[in-house]
Amino acid sequence: MNKAKMVMFIFALAAMLSMVSIGYAIAIKSIVAILIGIVALCVVMMTGFKMKRKFRDQGLL
């Protein structure tokens, strides 16, 4: 597994953990935690897609 795929795996794992945190925040009924989880998910997904485009342009994927 090359470096680019390992980085993408880490982004996927971070996105999954963000989704889990949203579910946990719903379970504990914390609106602030839900919003933080949604923002974290958006940031991780946007960063991951930007990184994927960068890797694809460089020919690493």
C-alpha atoms as a PDB file:
ATOM      1  CA  MET A   1       0.000   0.000   0.000  1.00  0.00           C
ATOM      2  CA  ASN A   2       1.540   3.279  -1.074  1.00  0.00           C
ATOM      3  CA  LYS A   3       1.525   6.506   0.937  1.00  0.00           C
ATOM      4  CA  ALA A   4      -1.378   8.066  -0.962  1.00  0.00           C
ATOM      5  CA  LYS A   5      -3.684   5.139  -0.227  1.00  0.00           C
ATOM      6  CA  MET A   6      -2.664   5.145   3.437  1.00  0.00           C
ATOM      7  CA  VAL A   7      -3.479   8.860   3.693  1.00  0.00           C
ATOM      8  CA  MET A   8      -6.868   8.266   2.056  1.00  0.00           C
ATOM      9  CA  PHE A   9      -7.512   5.415   4.509  1.00  0.00           C
ATOM     10  CA  ILE A  10      -6.822   7.782   7.422  1.00  0.00           C
ATOM     11  CA  PHE A  11      -9.257  10.344   5.979  1.00  0.00           C
ATOM     12  CA  ALA A  12     -11.901   7.632   5.571  1.00  0.00           C
ATOM     13  CA  LEU A  13     -11.366   6.504   9.153  1.00  0.00           C
ATOM     14  CA  ALA A  14     -11.635  10.096  10.411  1.00  0.00           C
ATOM     15  CA  ALA A  15     -14.877  10.590   8.464  1.00  0.00           C
ATOM     16  CA  MET A  16     -16.300   7.390   9.906  1.00  0.00           C
ATOM     17  CA  LEU A  17     -15.401   8.472  13.446  1.00  0.00           C
ATOM     18  CA  SER A  18     -17.046  11.844  12.806  1.00  0.00           C
ATOM     19  CA  MET A  19     -20.238  10.077  11.766  1.00  0.00           C
ATOM     20  CA  VAL A  20     -20.108   7.903  14.878  1.00  0.00           C
ATOM     21  CA  SER A  21     -19.625  10.987  17.031  1.00  0.00           C
ATOM     22  CA  ILE A  22     -22.778  12.516  15.533  1.00  0.00           C
ATOM     23  CA  GLY A  23     -24.710   9.393  16.488  1.00  0.00           C
ATOM     24  CA  TYR A  24     -23.280   9.450  19.987  1.00  0.00           C
ATOM     25  CA  ALA A  25     -24.160  13.137  20.342  1.00  0.00           C
ATOM     26  CA  ILE A  26     -27.729  12.374  19.313  1.00  0.00           C
ATOM     27  CA  ALA A  27     -27.856   9.609  21.923  1.00  0.00           C
ATOM     28  CA  ILE A  28     -26.760  11.963  24.705  1.00  0.00           C
ATOM     29  CA  LYS A  29     -29.023  14.731  23.340  1.00  0.00           C
ATOM     30  CA  SER A  30     -26.317  17.374  23.052  1.00  0.00           C
ATOM     31  CA  ILE A  31     -27.028  19.913  20.321  1.00  0.00           C
ATOM     32  CA  VAL A  32     -23.563  21.478  20.604  1.00  0.00           C
ATOM     33  CA  ALA A  33     -21.865  18.098  20.142  1.00  0.00           C
ATOM     34  CA  ILE A  34     -24.097  17.339  17.147  1.00  0.00           C
ATOM     35  CA  LEU A  35     -23.086  20.600  15.488  1.00  0.00           C
ATOM     36  CA  ILE A  36     -19.400  20.017  16.244  1.00  0.00           C
ATOM     37  CA  GLY A  37     -19.670  16.522  14.754  1.00  0.00           C
ATOM     38  CA  ILE A  38     -21.317  17.833  11.597  1.00  0.00           C
ATOM     39  CA  VAL A  39     -18.678  20.532  11.172  1.00  0.00           C
ATOM     40  CA  ALA A  40     -15.904  17.982  11.768  1.00  0.00           C
ATOM     41  CA  LEU A  41     -17.424  15.649   9.170  1.00  0.00           C
ATOM     42  CA  CYS A  42     -17.650  18.438   6.598  1.00  0.00           C
ATOM     43  CA  VAL A  43     -14.055  19.513   7.199  1.00  0.00           C
ATOM     44  CA  VAL A  44     -12.708  15.961   6.994  1.00  0.00           C
ATOM     45  CA  MET A  45     -14.685  15.145   3.841  1.00  0.00           C
ATOM     46  CA  MET A  46     -13.684  18.377   2.063  1.00  0.00           C
ATOM     47  CA  THR A  47     -10.044  17.924   2.976  1.00  0.00           C
ATOM     48  CA  GLY A  48     -10.131  14.286   1.877  1.00  0.00           C
ATOM     49  CA  PHE A  49     -11.637  15.109  -1.518  1.00  0.00           C
ATOM     50  CA  LYS A  50      -9.113  17.902  -2.075  1.00  0.00           C
ATOM     51  CA  MET A  51      -6.281  15.526  -1.175  1.00  0.00           C
ATOM     52  CA  LYS A  52      -7.676  12.855  -3.502  1.00  0.00           C
ATOM     53  CA  ARG A  53      -7.786  15.335  -6.385  1.00  0.00           C
ATOM     54  CA  LYS A  54      -4.189  16.355  -5.613  1.00  0.00           C
ATOM     55  CA  PHE A  55      -3.028  12.725  -5.561  1.00  0.00           C
ATOM     56  CA  ARG A  56      -4.913  11.950  -8.797  1.00  0.00           C
ATOM     57  CA  ASP A  57      -3.335  14.954 -10.526  1.00  0.00           C
ATOM     58  CA  GLN A  58       0.098  13.756  -9.434  1.00  0.00           C
ATOM     59  CA  GLY A  59      -0.655  10.225 -10.668  1.00  0.00           C
ATOM     60  CA  LEU A  60      -0.343   8.592  -7.257  1.00  0.00           C
ATOM     61  CA  LEU A  61      -3.801   6.988  -7.283  1.00  0.00           C
END
